PDB file of N, CA and C in Angstrom:
ATOM      1  N   MET A   1      18.351  27.270 -13.449  1.00  0.00           N
ATOM      2  CA  MET A   1      18.651  26.324 -14.509  1.00  0.00           C
ATOM      3  C   MET A   1      17.624  25.197 -14.467  1.00  0.00           C
ATOM      4  N   ALA A   2      17.068  24.888 -15.575  1.00  0.00           N
ATOM      5  CA  ALA A   2      16.027  23.855 -15.670  1.00  0.00           C
ATOM      6  C   ALA A   2      16.657  22.477 -15.789  1.00  0.00           C
ATOM      7  N   GLY A   3      15.860  21.458 -15.493  1.00  0.00           N
ATOM      8  CA  GLY A   3      16.328  20.081 -15.599  1.00  0.00           C
ATOM      9  C   GLY A   3      16.556  19.684 -17.045  1.00  0.00           C
ATOM     10  N   PRO A   4      17.155  18.526 -17.277  1.00  0.00           N
ATOM     11  CA  PRO A   4      17.495  18.108 -18.639  1.00  0.00           C
ATOM     12  C   PRO A   4      16.286  17.846 -19.525  1.00  0.00           C
ATOM     13  N   PHE A   5      15.119  17.646 -18.955  1.00  0.00           N
ATOM     14  CA  PHE A   5      13.938  17.333 -19.750  1.00  0.00           C
ATOM     15  C   PHE A   5      12.934  18.478 -19.775  1.00  0.00           C
ATOM     16  N   ALA A   6      13.324  19.636 -19.307  1.00  0.00           N
ATOM     17  CA  ALA A   6      12.389  20.747 -19.158  1.00  0.00           C
ATOM     18  C   ALA A   6      11.750  21.184 -20.475  1.00  0.00           C
ATOM     19  N   ASN A   7      12.496  21.216 -21.551  1.00  0.00           N
ATOM     20  CA  ASN A   7      11.967  21.739 -22.802  1.00  0.00           C
ATOM     21  C   ASN A   7      11.413  20.672 -23.734  1.00  0.00           C
ATOM     22  N   ASP A   8      11.966  19.487 -23.690  1.00  0.00           N
ATOM     23  CA  ASP A   8      11.613  18.471 -24.676  1.00  0.00           C
ATOM     24  C   ASP A   8      10.705  17.364 -24.128  1.00  0.00           C
ATOM     25  N   SER A   9      10.322  17.444 -22.884  1.00  0.00           N
ATOM     26  CA  SER A   9       9.533  16.355 -22.315  1.00  0.00           C
ATOM     27  C   SER A   9       8.074  16.443 -22.741  1.00  0.00           C
ATOM     28  N   GLU A  10       7.448  15.288 -22.786  1.00  0.00           N
ATOM     29  CA  GLU A  10       6.025  15.225 -23.063  1.00  0.00           C
ATOM     30  C   GLU A  10       5.300  15.083 -21.734  1.00  0.00           C
ATOM     31  N   GLN A  11       4.191  15.749 -21.608  1.00  0.00           N
ATOM     32  CA  GLN A  11       3.398  15.660 -20.396  1.00  0.00           C
ATOM     33  C   GLN A  11       2.574  14.382 -20.439  1.00  0.00           C
ATOM     34  N   ILE A  12       2.396  13.745 -19.280  1.00  0.00           N
ATOM     35  CA  ILE A  12       1.524  12.578 -19.224  1.00  0.00           C
ATOM     36  C   ILE A  12       0.229  12.984 -18.536  1.00  0.00           C
ATOM     37  N   ASP A  13      -0.837  12.335 -18.918  1.00  0.00           N
ATOM     38  CA  ASP A  13      -2.124  12.686 -18.344  1.00  0.00           C
ATOM     39  C   ASP A  13      -2.289  12.050 -16.964  1.00  0.00           C
ATOM     40  N   ARG A  14      -3.321  12.470 -16.270  1.00  0.00           N
ATOM     41  CA  ARG A  14      -3.588  12.016 -14.899  1.00  0.00           C
ATOM     42  C   ARG A  14      -3.785  10.496 -14.852  1.00  0.00           C
ATOM     43  N   ARG A  15      -4.463   9.951 -15.843  1.00  0.00           N
ATOM     44  CA  ARG A  15      -4.740   8.503 -15.871  1.00  0.00           C
ATOM     45  C   ARG A  15      -3.446   7.696 -15.998  1.00  0.00           C
ATOM     46  N   THR A  16      -2.550   8.145 -16.870  1.00  0.00           N
ATOM     47  CA  THR A  16      -1.271   7.469 -17.053  1.00  0.00           C
ATOM     48  C   THR A  16      -0.420   7.586 -15.796  1.00  0.00           C
ATOM     49  N   SER A  17      -0.399   8.761 -15.208  1.00  0.00           N
ATOM     50  CA  SER A  17       0.349   8.978 -13.979  1.00  0.00           C
ATOM     51  C   SER A  17      -0.146   8.052 -12.873  1.00  0.00           C
ATOM     52  N   ARG A  18      -1.451   7.916 -12.756  1.00  0.00           N
ATOM     53  CA  ARG A  18      -2.035   7.045 -11.737  1.00  0.00           C
ATOM     54  C   ARG A  18      -1.673   5.579 -11.987  1.00  0.00           C
ATOM     55  N   ALA A  19      -1.699   5.166 -13.247  1.00  0.00           N
ATOM     56  CA  ALA A  19      -1.349   3.789 -13.592  1.00  0.00           C
ATOM     57  C   ALA A  19       0.106   3.489 -13.226  1.00  0.00           C
ATOM     58  N   ILE A  20       0.977   4.442 -13.476  1.00  0.00           N
ATOM     59  CA  ILE A  20       2.387   4.266 -13.116  1.00  0.00           C
ATOM     60  C   ILE A  20       2.529   4.171 -11.600  1.00  0.00           C
ATOM     61  N   SER A  21       1.875   5.045 -10.877  1.00  0.00           N
ATOM     62  CA  SER A  21       1.934   5.030  -9.414  1.00  0.00           C
ATOM     63  C   SER A  21       1.422   3.711  -8.860  1.00  0.00           C
ATOM     64  N   ASP A  22       0.319   3.230  -9.405  1.00  0.00           N
ATOM     65  CA  ASP A  22      -0.249   1.956  -8.946  1.00  0.00           C
ATOM     66  C   ASP A  22       0.711   0.797  -9.205  1.00  0.00           C
ATOM     67  N   ALA A  23       1.360   0.805 -10.355  1.00  0.00           N
ATOM     68  CA  ALA A  23       2.304  -0.267 -10.689  1.00  0.00           C
ATOM     69  C   ALA A  23       3.510  -0.247  -9.756  1.00  0.00           C
ATOM     70  N   VAL A  24       4.009   0.939  -9.460  1.00  0.00           N
ATOM     71  CA  VAL A  24       5.142   1.055  -8.539  1.00  0.00           C
ATOM     72  C   VAL A  24       4.735   0.570  -7.156  1.00  0.00           C
ATOM     73  N   ALA A  25       3.567   0.976  -6.695  1.00  0.00           N
ATOM     74  CA  ALA A  25       3.087   0.549  -5.376  1.00  0.00           C
ATOM     75  C   ALA A  25       2.928  -0.963  -5.298  1.00  0.00           C
ATOM     76  N   GLU A  26       2.404  -1.553  -6.359  1.00  0.00           N
ATOM     77  CA  GLU A  26       2.220  -3.007  -6.384  1.00  0.00           C
ATOM     78  C   GLU A  26       3.565  -3.724  -6.289  1.00  0.00           C
ATOM     79  N   ARG A  27       4.546  -3.235  -7.026  1.00  0.00           N
ATOM     80  CA  ARG A  27       5.873  -3.870  -6.974  1.00  0.00           C
ATOM     81  C   ARG A  27       6.521  -3.702  -5.604  1.00  0.00           C
ATOM     82  N   LEU A  28       6.324  -2.551  -4.993  1.00  0.00           N
ATOM     83  CA  LEU A  28       6.866  -2.347  -3.648  1.00  0.00           C
ATOM     84  C   LEU A  28       6.223  -3.313  -2.659  1.00  0.00           C
ATOM     85  N   GLN A  29       4.909  -3.488  -2.768  1.00  0.00           N
ATOM     86  CA  GLN A  29       4.216  -4.408  -1.874  1.00  0.00           C
ATOM     87  C   GLN A  29       4.724  -5.831  -2.067  1.00  0.00           C
ATOM     88  N   GLN A  30       4.992  -6.216  -3.291  1.00  0.00           N
ATOM     89  CA  GLN A  30       5.482  -7.558  -3.570  1.00  0.00           C
ATOM     90  C   GLN A  30       6.893  -7.756  -3.035  1.00  0.00           C
ATOM     91  N   SER A  31       7.710  -6.715  -3.066  1.00  0.00           N
ATOM     92  CA  SER A  31       9.100  -6.855  -2.649  1.00  0.00           C
ATOM     93  C   SER A  31       9.283  -6.770  -1.136  1.00  0.00           C
ATOM     94  N   LEU A  32       8.343  -6.134  -0.443  1.00  0.00           N
ATOM     95  CA  LEU A  32       8.442  -6.049   1.013  1.00  0.00           C
ATOM     96  C   LEU A  32       7.889  -7.310   1.636  1.00  0.00           C
ATOM     97  N   ARG A  33       8.617  -7.844   2.568  1.00  0.00           N
ATOM     98  CA  ARG A  33       8.126  -9.020   3.272  1.00  0.00           C
ATOM     99  C   ARG A  33       6.929  -8.606   4.126  1.00  0.00           C
ATOM    100  N   PRO A  34       5.936  -9.477   4.252  1.00  0.00           N
ATOM    101  CA  PRO A  34       4.750  -9.144   5.044  1.00  0.00           C
ATOM    102  C   PRO A  34       5.078  -8.791   6.494  1.00  0.00           C
ATOM    103  N   GLU A  35       6.094  -9.418   7.065  1.00  0.00           N
ATOM    104  CA  GLU A  35       6.425  -9.148   8.452  1.00  0.00           C
ATOM    105  C   GLU A  35       7.279  -7.894   8.623  1.00  0.00           C
ATOM    106  N   ALA A  36       7.760  -7.328   7.519  1.00  0.00           N
ATOM    107  CA  ALA A  36       8.595  -6.134   7.606  1.00  0.00           C
ATOM    108  C   ALA A  36       7.749  -4.931   8.026  1.00  0.00           C
ATOM    109  N   ARG A  37       8.248  -4.193   8.964  1.00  0.00           N
ATOM    110  CA  ARG A  37       7.575  -2.987   9.443  1.00  0.00           C
ATOM    111  C   ARG A  37       8.212  -1.781   8.763  1.00  0.00           C
ATOM    112  N   LEU A  38       7.380  -0.902   8.224  1.00  0.00           N
ATOM    113  CA  LEU A  38       7.891   0.286   7.566  1.00  0.00           C
ATOM    114  C   LEU A  38       8.386   1.286   8.601  1.00  0.00           C
ATOM    115  N   PRO A  39       9.380   2.084   8.249  1.00  0.00           N
ATOM    116  CA  PRO A  39       9.783   3.165   9.142  1.00  0.00           C
ATOM    117  C   PRO A  39       8.590   4.092   9.382  1.00  0.00           C
ATOM    118  N   THR A  40       8.519   4.666  10.572  1.00  0.00           N
ATOM    119  CA  THR A  40       7.383   5.496  10.970  1.00  0.00           C
ATOM    120  C   THR A  40       7.101   6.604   9.965  1.00  0.00           C
ATOM    121  N   HIS A  41       8.143   7.290   9.520  1.00  0.00           N
ATOM    122  CA  HIS A  41       7.949   8.404   8.587  1.00  0.00           C
ATOM    123  C   HIS A  41       7.339   7.925   7.270  1.00  0.00           C
ATOM    124  N   LEU A  42       7.821   6.796   6.754  1.00  0.00           N
ATOM    125  CA  LEU A  42       7.286   6.259   5.508  1.00  0.00           C
ATOM    126  C   LEU A  42       5.833   5.836   5.695  1.00  0.00           C
ATOM    127  N   GLU A  43       5.522   5.240   6.832  1.00  0.00           N
ATOM    128  CA  GLU A  43       4.142   4.841   7.113  1.00  0.00           C
ATOM    129  C   GLU A  43       3.219   6.064   7.179  1.00  0.00           C
ATOM    130  N   GLN A  44       3.698   7.158   7.755  1.00  0.00           N
ATOM    131  CA  GLN A  44       2.914   8.392   7.816  1.00  0.00           C
ATOM    132  C   GLN A  44       2.667   8.952   6.413  1.00  0.00           C
ATOM    133  N   LEU A  45       3.689   8.913   5.572  1.00  0.00           N
ATOM    134  CA  LEU A  45       3.529   9.400   4.196  1.00  0.00           C
ATOM    135  C   LEU A  45       2.525   8.546   3.420  1.00  0.00           C
ATOM    136  N   LEU A  46       2.584   7.227   3.590  1.00  0.00           N
ATOM    137  CA  LEU A  46       1.634   6.344   2.918  1.00  0.00           C
ATOM    138  C   LEU A  46       0.213   6.607   3.396  1.00  0.00           C
ATOM    139  N   ASN A  47       0.044   6.835   4.682  1.00  0.00           N
ATOM    140  CA  ASN A  47      -1.280   7.159   5.208  1.00  0.00           C
ATOM    141  C   ASN A  47      -1.800   8.468   4.638  1.00  0.00           C
ATOM    142  N   GLU A  48      -0.909   9.444   4.478  1.00  0.00           N
ATOM    143  CA  GLU A  48      -1.304  10.717   3.880  1.00  0.00           C
ATOM    144  C   GLU A  48      -1.742  10.522   2.423  1.00  0.00           C
ATOM    145  N   LEU A  49      -1.019   9.689   1.675  1.00  0.00           N
ATOM    146  CA  LEU A  49      -1.404   9.405   0.288  1.00  0.00           C
ATOM    147  C   LEU A  49      -2.768   8.727   0.223  1.00  0.00           C
ATOM    148  N   LYS A  50      -3.004   7.783   1.115  1.00  0.00           N
ATOM    149  CA  LYS A  50      -4.311   7.112   1.147  1.00  0.00           C
ATOM    150  C   LYS A  50      -5.419   8.108   1.419  1.00  0.00           C
ATOM    151  N   GLN A  51      -5.167   9.023   2.347  1.00  0.00           N
ATOM    152  CA  GLN A  51      -6.167  10.038   2.672  1.00  0.00           C
ATOM    153  C   GLN A  51      -6.438  10.937   1.467  1.00  0.00           C
ATOM    154  N   ARG A  52      -5.387  11.338   0.782  1.00  0.00           N
ATOM    155  CA  ARG A  52      -5.565  12.191  -0.402  1.00  0.00           C
ATOM    156  C   ARG A  52      -6.321  11.464  -1.523  1.00  0.00           C
ATOM    157  N   ASP A  53      -6.105  10.159  -1.652  1.00  0.00           N
ATOM    158  CA  ASP A  53      -6.809   9.375  -2.661  1.00  0.00           C
ATOM    159  C   ASP A  53      -8.311   9.349  -2.395  1.00  0.00           C
ATOM    160  N   ARG A  54      -8.680   9.423  -1.129  1.00  0.00           N
ATOM    161  CA  ARG A  54     -10.109   9.379  -0.785  1.00  0.00           C
ATOM    162  C   ARG A  54     -10.788  10.726  -0.984  1.00  0.00           C
ATOM    163  N   GLU A  55     -10.007  11.798  -1.048  1.00  0.00           N
ATOM    164  CA  GLU A  55     -10.571  13.138  -1.226  1.00  0.00           C
ATOM    165  C   GLU A  55     -11.056  13.310  -2.662  1.00  0.00           C
ATOM    166  N   PRO A  56     -12.171  14.027  -2.823  1.00  0.00           N
ATOM    167  CA  PRO A  56     -12.649  14.291  -4.191  1.00  0.00           C
ATOM    168  C   PRO A  56     -11.656  15.201  -4.923  1.00  0.00           C
ATOM    169  N   HIS A  57     -11.510  14.952  -6.219  1.00  0.00           N
ATOM    170  CA  HIS A  57     -10.537  15.716  -7.027  1.00  0.00           C
ATOM    171  C   HIS A  57     -11.172  16.923  -7.598  1.00  0.00           C
TER     172      HIS A  57
END
């Protein structure tokens, strides 16, 4: 069974997707206190995302 938006959804392009991701990341950074330490697993996932961003597409 497909999700509720499977047939009627519009696809977004890579540029729009990246802009949304950047905006979410910026808001998360603003909401986290500078002294707050991320859980180890979340920190590992963020490091993996940074590494993937540096890889050529």
